[in-house]
C-alpha atoms as a PDB file:
ATOM      1  CA  MET A   1     -16.807 -22.792  26.621  1.00  0.00           C
ATOM      2  CA  VAL A   2     -15.102 -25.529  28.236  1.00  0.00           C
ATOM      3  CA  THR A   3     -16.214 -26.876  31.815  1.00  0.00           C
ATOM      4  CA  GLY A   4     -16.107 -30.084  33.759  1.00  0.00           C
ATOM      5  CA  GLY A   5     -17.840 -32.927  32.354  1.00  0.00           C
ATOM      6  CA  GLN A   6     -20.268 -33.240  35.194  1.00  0.00           C
ATOM      7  CA  ARG A   7     -21.711 -29.651  34.518  1.00  0.00           C
ATOM      8  CA  ALA A   8     -24.972 -29.704  33.219  1.00  0.00           C
ATOM      9  CA  ASP A   9     -25.560 -27.789  29.864  1.00  0.00           C
ATOM     10  CA  CYS A  10     -28.158 -25.258  31.076  1.00  0.00           C
ATOM     11  CA  THR A  11     -25.891 -23.809  33.458  1.00  0.00           C
ATOM     12  CA  GLN A  12     -23.680 -22.464  30.684  1.00  0.00           C
ATOM     13  CA  PHE A  13     -26.571 -21.323  28.619  1.00  0.00           C
ATOM     14  CA  GLU A  14     -26.634 -17.465  29.736  1.00  0.00           C
ATOM     15  CA  PRO A  15     -22.519 -17.325  29.532  1.00  0.00           C
ATOM     16  CA  VAL A  16     -22.308 -18.703  26.125  1.00  0.00           C
ATOM     17  CA  LEU A  17     -25.123 -16.599  24.556  1.00  0.00           C
ATOM     18  CA  GLU A  18     -23.345 -13.317  26.077  1.00  0.00           C
ATOM     19  CA  ARG A  19     -20.375 -14.423  23.747  1.00  0.00           C
ATOM     20  CA  ILE A  20     -21.957 -14.595  20.589  1.00  0.00           C
ATOM     21  CA  ARG A  21     -21.180 -12.313  17.745  1.00  0.00           C
ATOM     22  CA  VAL A  22     -23.041 -12.337  14.650  1.00  0.00           C
ATOM     23  CA  PRO A  23     -20.908 -10.737  11.908  1.00  0.00           C
ATOM     24  CA  ARG A  24     -22.632  -8.306   9.645  1.00  0.00           C
ATOM     25  CA  SER A  25     -22.090  -8.351   5.780  1.00  0.00           C
ATOM     26  CA  GLY A  26     -21.121  -4.821   5.706  1.00  0.00           C
ATOM     27  CA  PRO A  27     -19.191  -2.476   7.841  1.00  0.00           C
ATOM     28  CA  GLY A  28     -20.108  -2.111  11.655  1.00  0.00           C
ATOM     29  CA  ARG A  29     -19.829  -4.002  14.479  1.00  0.00           C
ATOM     30  CA  PRO A  30     -21.098  -7.414  14.936  1.00  0.00           C
ATOM     31  CA  ARG A  31     -24.369  -8.005  16.399  1.00  0.00           C
ATOM     32  CA  LYS A  32     -24.762  -9.728  19.910  1.00  0.00           C
ATOM     33  CA  LYS A  33     -28.127 -10.850  19.354  1.00  0.00           C
ATOM     34  CA  PRO A  34     -28.630 -13.957  17.110  1.00  0.00           C
ATOM     35  CA  ASP A  35     -32.141 -13.985  15.056  1.00  0.00           C
ATOM     36  CA  SER A  36     -33.006 -17.557  16.429  1.00  0.00           C
ATOM     37  CA  LEU A  37     -32.062 -20.216  18.510  1.00  0.00           C
ATOM     38  CA  ALA A  38     -32.638 -24.035  18.549  1.00  0.00           C
ATOM     39  CA  ALA A  39     -31.753 -26.157  21.787  1.00  0.00           C
ATOM     40  CA  ASP A  40     -32.475 -29.332  23.216  1.00  0.00           C
ATOM     41  CA  LYS A  41     -34.697 -30.286  26.309  1.00  0.00           C
ATOM     42  CA  ALA A  42     -31.633 -29.474  28.672  1.00  0.00           C
ATOM     43  CA  CYS A  43     -32.668 -25.615  28.023  1.00  0.00           C
ATOM     44  CA  SER A  44     -36.134 -26.218  28.468  1.00  0.00           C
ATOM     45  CA  ASN A  45     -36.500 -24.748  31.853  1.00  0.00           C
ATOM     46  CA  GLY A  46     -37.910 -21.483  33.096  1.00  0.00           C
ATOM     47  CA  PRO A  47     -34.775 -19.410  33.872  1.00  0.00           C
ATOM     48  CA  CYS A  48     -33.542 -20.222  30.011  1.00  0.00           C
ATOM     49  CA  ARG A  49     -36.756 -19.447  28.441  1.00  0.00           C
ATOM     50  CA  GLU A  50     -37.142 -16.151  30.360  1.00  0.00           C
ATOM     51  CA  TYR A  51     -33.540 -15.273  29.466  1.00  0.00           C
ATOM     52  CA  LEU A  52     -34.469 -15.473  25.921  1.00  0.00           C
ATOM     53  CA  ARG A  53     -37.688 -13.766  26.339  1.00  0.00           C
ATOM     54  CA  ARG A  54     -35.979 -10.754  28.163  1.00  0.00           C
ATOM     55  CA  ARG A  55     -33.515 -10.372  25.119  1.00  0.00           C
ATOM     56  CA  GLY A  56     -36.071 -10.865  22.398  1.00  0.00           C
ATOM     57  CA  ILE A  57     -34.677 -14.031  20.790  1.00  0.00           C
ATOM     58  CA  ARG A  58     -36.877 -16.228  19.064  1.00  0.00           C
ATOM     59  CA  HIS A  59     -36.338 -19.954  20.148  1.00  0.00           C
ATOM     60  CA  THR A  60     -37.523 -23.471  19.478  1.00  0.00           C
ATOM     61  CA  ILE A  61     -37.111 -25.535  22.315  1.00  0.00           C
ATOM     62  CA  PRO A  62     -39.170 -28.671  22.963  1.00  0.00           C
ATOM     63  CA  GLU A  63     -40.948 -29.034  26.352  1.00  0.00           C
ATOM     64  CA  LYS A  64     -39.912 -31.663  28.650  1.00  0.00           C
ATOM     65  CA  THR A  65     -42.509 -34.556  29.182  1.00  0.00           C
ATOM     66  CA  ASP A  66     -42.710 -33.751  32.900  1.00  0.00           C
ATOM     67  CA  SER A  67     -42.947 -30.051  32.495  1.00  0.00           C
ATOM     68  CA  GLN A  68     -45.965 -30.611  29.969  1.00  0.00           C
ATOM     69  CA  ALA A  69     -47.482 -32.791  32.593  1.00  0.00           C
ATOM     70  CA  ALA A  70     -47.214 -30.217  35.215  1.00  0.00           C
ATOM     71  CA  ARG A  71     -48.537 -27.641  33.204  1.00  0.00           C
ATOM     72  CA  LEU A  72     -51.699 -29.901  32.068  1.00  0.00           C
ATOM     73  CA  ARG A  73     -52.274 -30.759  35.583  1.00  0.00           C
ATOM     74  CA  LYS A  74     -52.692 -26.925  36.855  1.00  0.00           C
ATOM     75  CA  GLY A  75     -55.454 -26.687  34.070  1.00  0.00           C
ATOM     76  CA  ALA A  76     -56.100 -23.086  32.787  1.00  0.00           C
ATOM     77  CA  ARG A  77     -53.709 -21.878  35.286  1.00  0.00           C
ATOM     78  CA  GLY A  78     -50.833 -23.689  33.707  1.00  0.00           C
ATOM     79  CA  GLY A  79     -50.974 -21.359  30.651  1.00  0.00           C
ATOM     80  CA  ARG A  80     -50.050 -21.929  27.050  1.00  0.00           C
ATOM     81  CA  PRO A  81     -47.805 -24.481  25.749  1.00  0.00           C
ATOM     82  CA  PRO A  82     -44.461 -22.678  24.390  1.00  0.00           C
ATOM     83  CA  GLY A  83     -44.117 -22.510  20.777  1.00  0.00           C
ATOM     84  CA  PHE A  84     -42.487 -25.291  18.921  1.00  0.00           C
ATOM     85  CA  ASP A  85     -41.458 -25.204  15.429  1.00  0.00           C
ATOM     86  CA  ALA A  86     -40.694 -28.782  14.313  1.00  0.00           C
ATOM     87  CA  ALA A  87     -39.317 -27.918  10.843  1.00  0.00           C
ATOM     88  CA  ARG A  88     -36.733 -25.527  12.384  1.00  0.00           C
ATOM     89  CA  TYR A  89     -35.873 -27.942  15.143  1.00  0.00           C
ATOM     90  CA  LYS A  90     -35.178 -30.509  12.425  1.00  0.00           C
ATOM     91  CA  LYS A  91     -32.022 -28.178  11.194  1.00  0.00           C
ATOM     92  CA  ARG A  92     -30.394 -28.635  14.643  1.00  0.00           C
ATOM     93  CA  ASN A  93     -29.463 -32.562  13.093  1.00  0.00           C
ATOM     94  CA  THR A  94     -26.466 -30.593  11.474  1.00  0.00           C
ATOM     95  CA  VAL A  95     -24.938 -29.412  14.648  1.00  0.00           C
ATOM     96  CA  GLU A  96     -25.582 -32.741  16.497  1.00  0.00           C
ATOM     97  CA  ARG A  97     -23.691 -34.692  13.441  1.00  0.00           C
ATOM     98  CA  ALA A  98     -20.846 -31.934  13.709  1.00  0.00           C
ATOM     99  CA  ILE A  99     -20.311 -32.932  17.434  1.00  0.00           C
ATOM    100  CA  ASN A 100     -20.563 -36.201  16.655  1.00  0.00           C
ATOM    101  CA  LEU A 101     -17.691 -36.007  14.265  1.00  0.00           C
ATOM    102  CA  LEU A 102     -15.820 -34.193  16.825  1.00  0.00           C
ATOM    103  CA  LYS A 103     -16.360 -37.244  18.985  1.00  0.00           C
ATOM    104  CA  GLN A 104     -14.927 -39.644  16.601  1.00  0.00           C
ATOM    105  CA  SER A 105     -11.628 -38.262  17.991  1.00  0.00           C
ATOM    106  CA  ARG A 106     -10.815 -40.376  21.036  1.00  0.00           C
ATOM    107  CA  ALA A 107      -9.267 -37.506  22.909  1.00  0.00           C
ATOM    108  CA  VAL A 108     -12.070 -35.238  22.619  1.00  0.00           C
ATOM    109  CA  ALA A 109     -14.756 -37.990  23.707  1.00  0.00           C
ATOM    110  CA  THR A 110     -12.866 -39.163  26.653  1.00  0.00           C
ATOM    111  CA  ARG A 111     -11.159 -35.543  27.772  1.00  0.00           C
ATOM    112  CA  TYR A 112      -8.297 -36.931  29.404  1.00  0.00           C
ATOM    113  CA  ASP A 113      -6.983 -33.743  29.400  1.00  0.00           C
ATOM    114  CA  LYS A 114      -7.125 -31.912  33.064  1.00  0.00           C
ATOM    115  CA  ARG A 115      -6.567 -28.459  31.623  1.00  0.00           C
ATOM    116  CA  GLY A 116      -9.363 -26.867  29.859  1.00  0.00           C
ATOM    117  CA  TYR A 117      -6.980 -24.833  27.473  1.00  0.00           C
ATOM    118  CA  VAL A 118      -5.437 -28.028  26.542  1.00  0.00           C
ATOM    119  CA  PHE A 119      -8.750 -29.871  25.914  1.00  0.00           C
ATOM    120  CA  LEU A 120      -9.770 -26.693  23.931  1.00  0.00           C
ATOM    121  CA  GLY A 121      -6.694 -26.983  21.677  1.00  0.00           C
ATOM    122  CA  THR A 122      -7.176 -30.797  21.192  1.00  0.00           C
ATOM    123  CA  ALA A 123     -10.862 -30.022  20.132  1.00  0.00           C
ATOM    124  CA  THR A 124      -9.394 -27.364  17.797  1.00  0.00           C
ATOM    125  CA  ALA A 125      -7.233 -29.817  16.216  1.00  0.00           C
ATOM    126  CA  ALA A 126      -9.780 -32.488  15.833  1.00  0.00           C
ATOM    127  CA  ALA A 127     -12.170 -29.817  13.969  1.00  0.00           C
ATOM    128  CA  LEU A 128      -8.932 -28.856  11.805  1.00  0.00           C
ATOM    129  CA  VAL A 129      -8.510 -32.520  10.836  1.00  0.00           C
ATOM    130  CA  ILE A 130     -12.275 -33.050   9.978  1.00  0.00           C
ATOM    131  CA  TRP A 131     -12.129 -29.595   7.953  1.00  0.00           C
ATOM    132  CA  LEU A 132      -9.063 -30.570   5.987  1.00  0.00           C
ATOM    133  CA  ARG A 133     -10.483 -34.112   5.007  1.00  0.00           C
ATOM    134  CA  ALA A 134     -13.699 -32.792   4.002  1.00  0.00           C
END
């Protein structure tokens, strides 16, 4: 989804997950729910975690240090820390490297395009160049 550059990632968390379609290996409609999700600290807030719990999606999201401090300050009332699988989180590096490859294209990194559909076309063209070079 294309938004303004100043928009926070977590504001688009639910709309992006609603558009996910996981294809099946055999016949049938694609699944609308991924097996698991790995996200960065931007999605470590309560509403994002609640949405994932409600949909039954396993997730690996590191806890923000200020959230951790607030939870520890509450003592027993703060609850348990959220589960975190470091080995699974390390696999996010592949996605980050792919995004950095896209940002090697100056037009994608700076986003001079005013219209969202033009920027989406620019990002698609940059992805095609990366794919063809690989």
